[in-house]
């Protein structure tokens, strides 16, 4: 199971960080970033499976793939921004984490505009 690998990486990283807690703080930051990158790499394949499943369901439901693509991009931006922000907070770069959060929210808003326009057009056609 993937969760066992992820928790194992996290615990190994935590153990190493505790061993070096008294020495260099820079090493702890590097360890956290490395563990985060490894966890992200492990999760690529399951994410690909989810995307394929969503596309398959959208095809069966005759949903325009443009909207599904936008929703998937929005989800990707949310997860990447959250993950990156958490890493920056762990590295004591709180202002950088805040900028990542804000940028992610703005990008999501920009991507959501075509979906909002389609919903508004549908409502106007009904009236």
Protein backbone atom coordinates (compact mmCIF):
# COMPACT_ATOMS: atom_id res chain seq x y z
CA UNK A 1 0.00 0.00 0.00
CA UNK A 2 1.18 3.45 -0.89
CA UNK A 3 0.23 4.99 2.42
CA UNK A 4 2.71 2.69 4.17
CA UNK A 5 5.49 3.94 1.87
CA UNK A 6 4.50 7.56 2.47
CA UNK A 7 4.29 7.17 6.25
CA UNK A 8 7.59 5.26 6.17
CA UNK A 9 9.30 8.10 4.31
CA UNK A 10 7.81 10.61 6.74
CA UNK A 11 8.90 8.66 9.82
CA UNK A 12 12.40 8.03 8.48
CA UNK A 13 12.72 11.74 7.71
CA UNK A 14 11.40 12.63 11.15
CA UNK A 15 13.86 10.22 12.81
CA UNK A 16 16.81 11.67 10.88
CA UNK A 17 15.66 15.19 11.72
CA UNK A 18 15.52 14.32 15.41
CA UNK A 19 19.03 12.88 15.23
CA UNK A 20 20.38 16.09 13.73
CA UNK A 21 18.16 18.46 15.69
CA UNK A 22 21.04 19.79 17.76
CA UNK A 23 23.28 20.42 14.76
CA UNK A 24 22.36 22.08 11.48
CA UNK A 25 18.89 23.43 10.84
CA UNK A 26 19.66 23.65 7.10
CA UNK A 27 19.91 19.87 6.95
CA UNK A 28 16.40 19.55 8.38
CA UNK A 29 15.04 21.85 5.69
CA UNK A 30 16.76 19.81 3.01
CA UNK A 31 15.37 16.59 4.49
CA UNK A 32 11.82 17.94 4.54
CA UNK A 33 12.08 19.13 0.94
CA UNK A 34 13.53 15.80 -0.19
CA UNK A 35 10.86 13.78 1.62
CA UNK A 36 8.16 16.01 0.15
CA UNK A 37 9.51 15.50 -3.36
CA UNK A 38 9.67 11.73 -2.87
CA UNK A 39 6.09 11.62 -1.61
CA UNK A 40 4.94 13.70 -4.56
CA UNK A 41 6.70 11.35 -6.98
CA UNK A 42 5.05 8.34 -5.36
CA UNK A 43 1.63 9.94 -5.80
CA UNK A 44 1.94 10.67 -9.53
CA UNK A 45 0.65 7.28 -10.70
CA UNK A 46 -2.45 7.22 -8.44
CA UNK A 47 -3.26 10.74 -9.58
CA UNK A 48 -2.94 9.65 -13.20
CA UNK A 49 -5.43 6.83 -12.52
CA UNK A 50 -7.91 9.28 -11.01
CA UNK A 51 -7.60 11.59 -14.01
CA UNK A 52 -8.18 8.71 -16.42
CA UNK A 53 -11.24 7.63 -14.43
CA UNK A 54 -12.71 11.15 -14.46
CA UNK A 55 -12.15 11.41 -18.22
CA UNK A 56 -13.84 8.04 -18.77
CA UNK A 57 -16.88 9.08 -16.70
CA UNK A 58 -17.05 12.41 -18.53
CA UNK A 59 -17.06 10.62 -21.88
CA UNK A 60 -19.91 8.36 -20.76
CA UNK A 61 -21.90 11.32 -19.44
CA UNK A 62 -21.27 13.41 -22.59
CA UNK A 63 -19.70 16.22 -20.59
CA UNK A 64 -17.53 18.60 -22.58
CA UNK A 65 -13.89 17.68 -21.96
CA UNK A 66 -12.96 21.37 -21.86
CA UNK A 67 -14.78 21.75 -18.55
CA UNK A 68 -13.34 18.53 -17.15
CA UNK A 69 -9.86 19.75 -18.11
CA UNK A 70 -10.45 23.03 -16.34
CA UNK A 71 -11.68 21.29 -13.18
CA UNK A 72 -8.65 18.98 -13.21
CA UNK A 73 -6.32 21.96 -13.63
CA UNK A 74 -8.03 23.72 -10.73
CA UNK A 75 -7.57 20.65 -8.54
CA UNK A 76 -3.92 20.37 -9.56
CA UNK A 77 -3.28 24.03 -8.75
CA UNK A 78 -4.97 23.66 -5.36
CA UNK A 79 -2.95 20.59 -4.41
CA UNK A 80 0.36 21.92 -5.70
CA UNK A 81 -0.13 25.30 -4.03
CA UNK A 82 -1.10 23.66 -0.74
CA UNK A 83 1.83 21.23 -0.86
CA UNK A 84 4.33 23.95 -1.79
CA UNK A 85 2.98 26.32 0.83
CA UNK A 86 3.32 23.66 3.53
CA UNK A 87 6.91 23.00 2.48
CA UNK A 88 7.71 26.71 2.65
CA UNK A 89 6.16 26.94 6.12
CA UNK A 90 8.26 23.97 7.23
CA UNK A 91 11.33 25.82 5.94
CA UNK A 92 10.31 28.91 7.97
CA UNK A 93 9.50 30.90 4.85
CA UNK A 94 6.00 31.97 5.88
CA UNK A 95 5.83 35.02 3.62
CA UNK A 96 6.72 32.87 0.61
CA UNK A 97 4.04 30.37 1.64
CA UNK A 98 1.48 33.18 1.79
CA UNK A 99 2.46 34.33 -1.70
CA UNK A 100 2.06 30.79 -3.04
CA UNK A 101 -1.40 30.53 -1.44
CA UNK A 102 -2.49 33.86 -2.91
CA UNK A 103 -1.11 33.02 -6.36
CA UNK A 104 -2.87 29.65 -6.34
CA UNK A 105 -6.19 31.28 -5.44
CA UNK A 106 -5.86 33.86 -8.20
CA UNK A 107 -4.97 31.18 -10.76
CA UNK A 108 -8.00 29.12 -9.69
CA UNK A 109 -10.24 32.16 -10.06
CA UNK A 110 -8.91 32.84 -13.56
CA UNK A 111 -9.45 29.23 -14.60
CA UNK A 112 -12.98 29.20 -13.16
CA UNK A 113 -14.17 32.11 -15.33
CA UNK A 114 -15.13 29.94 -18.37
CA UNK A 115 -17.13 27.60 -16.12
CA UNK A 116 -18.91 30.55 -14.49
CA UNK A 117 -19.70 31.98 -17.93
CA UNK A 118 -21.15 28.65 -19.10
CA UNK A 119 -23.35 28.45 -16.00
CA UNK A 120 -24.54 32.03 -16.50
CA UNK A 121 -25.27 31.37 -20.18
CA UNK A 122 -27.28 28.28 -19.24
CA UNK A 123 -29.28 30.27 -16.70
CA UNK A 124 -29.95 33.06 -19.22
CA UNK A 125 -31.15 30.54 -21.82
CA UNK A 126 -33.63 29.08 -19.35
CA UNK A 127 -35.09 32.51 -18.58
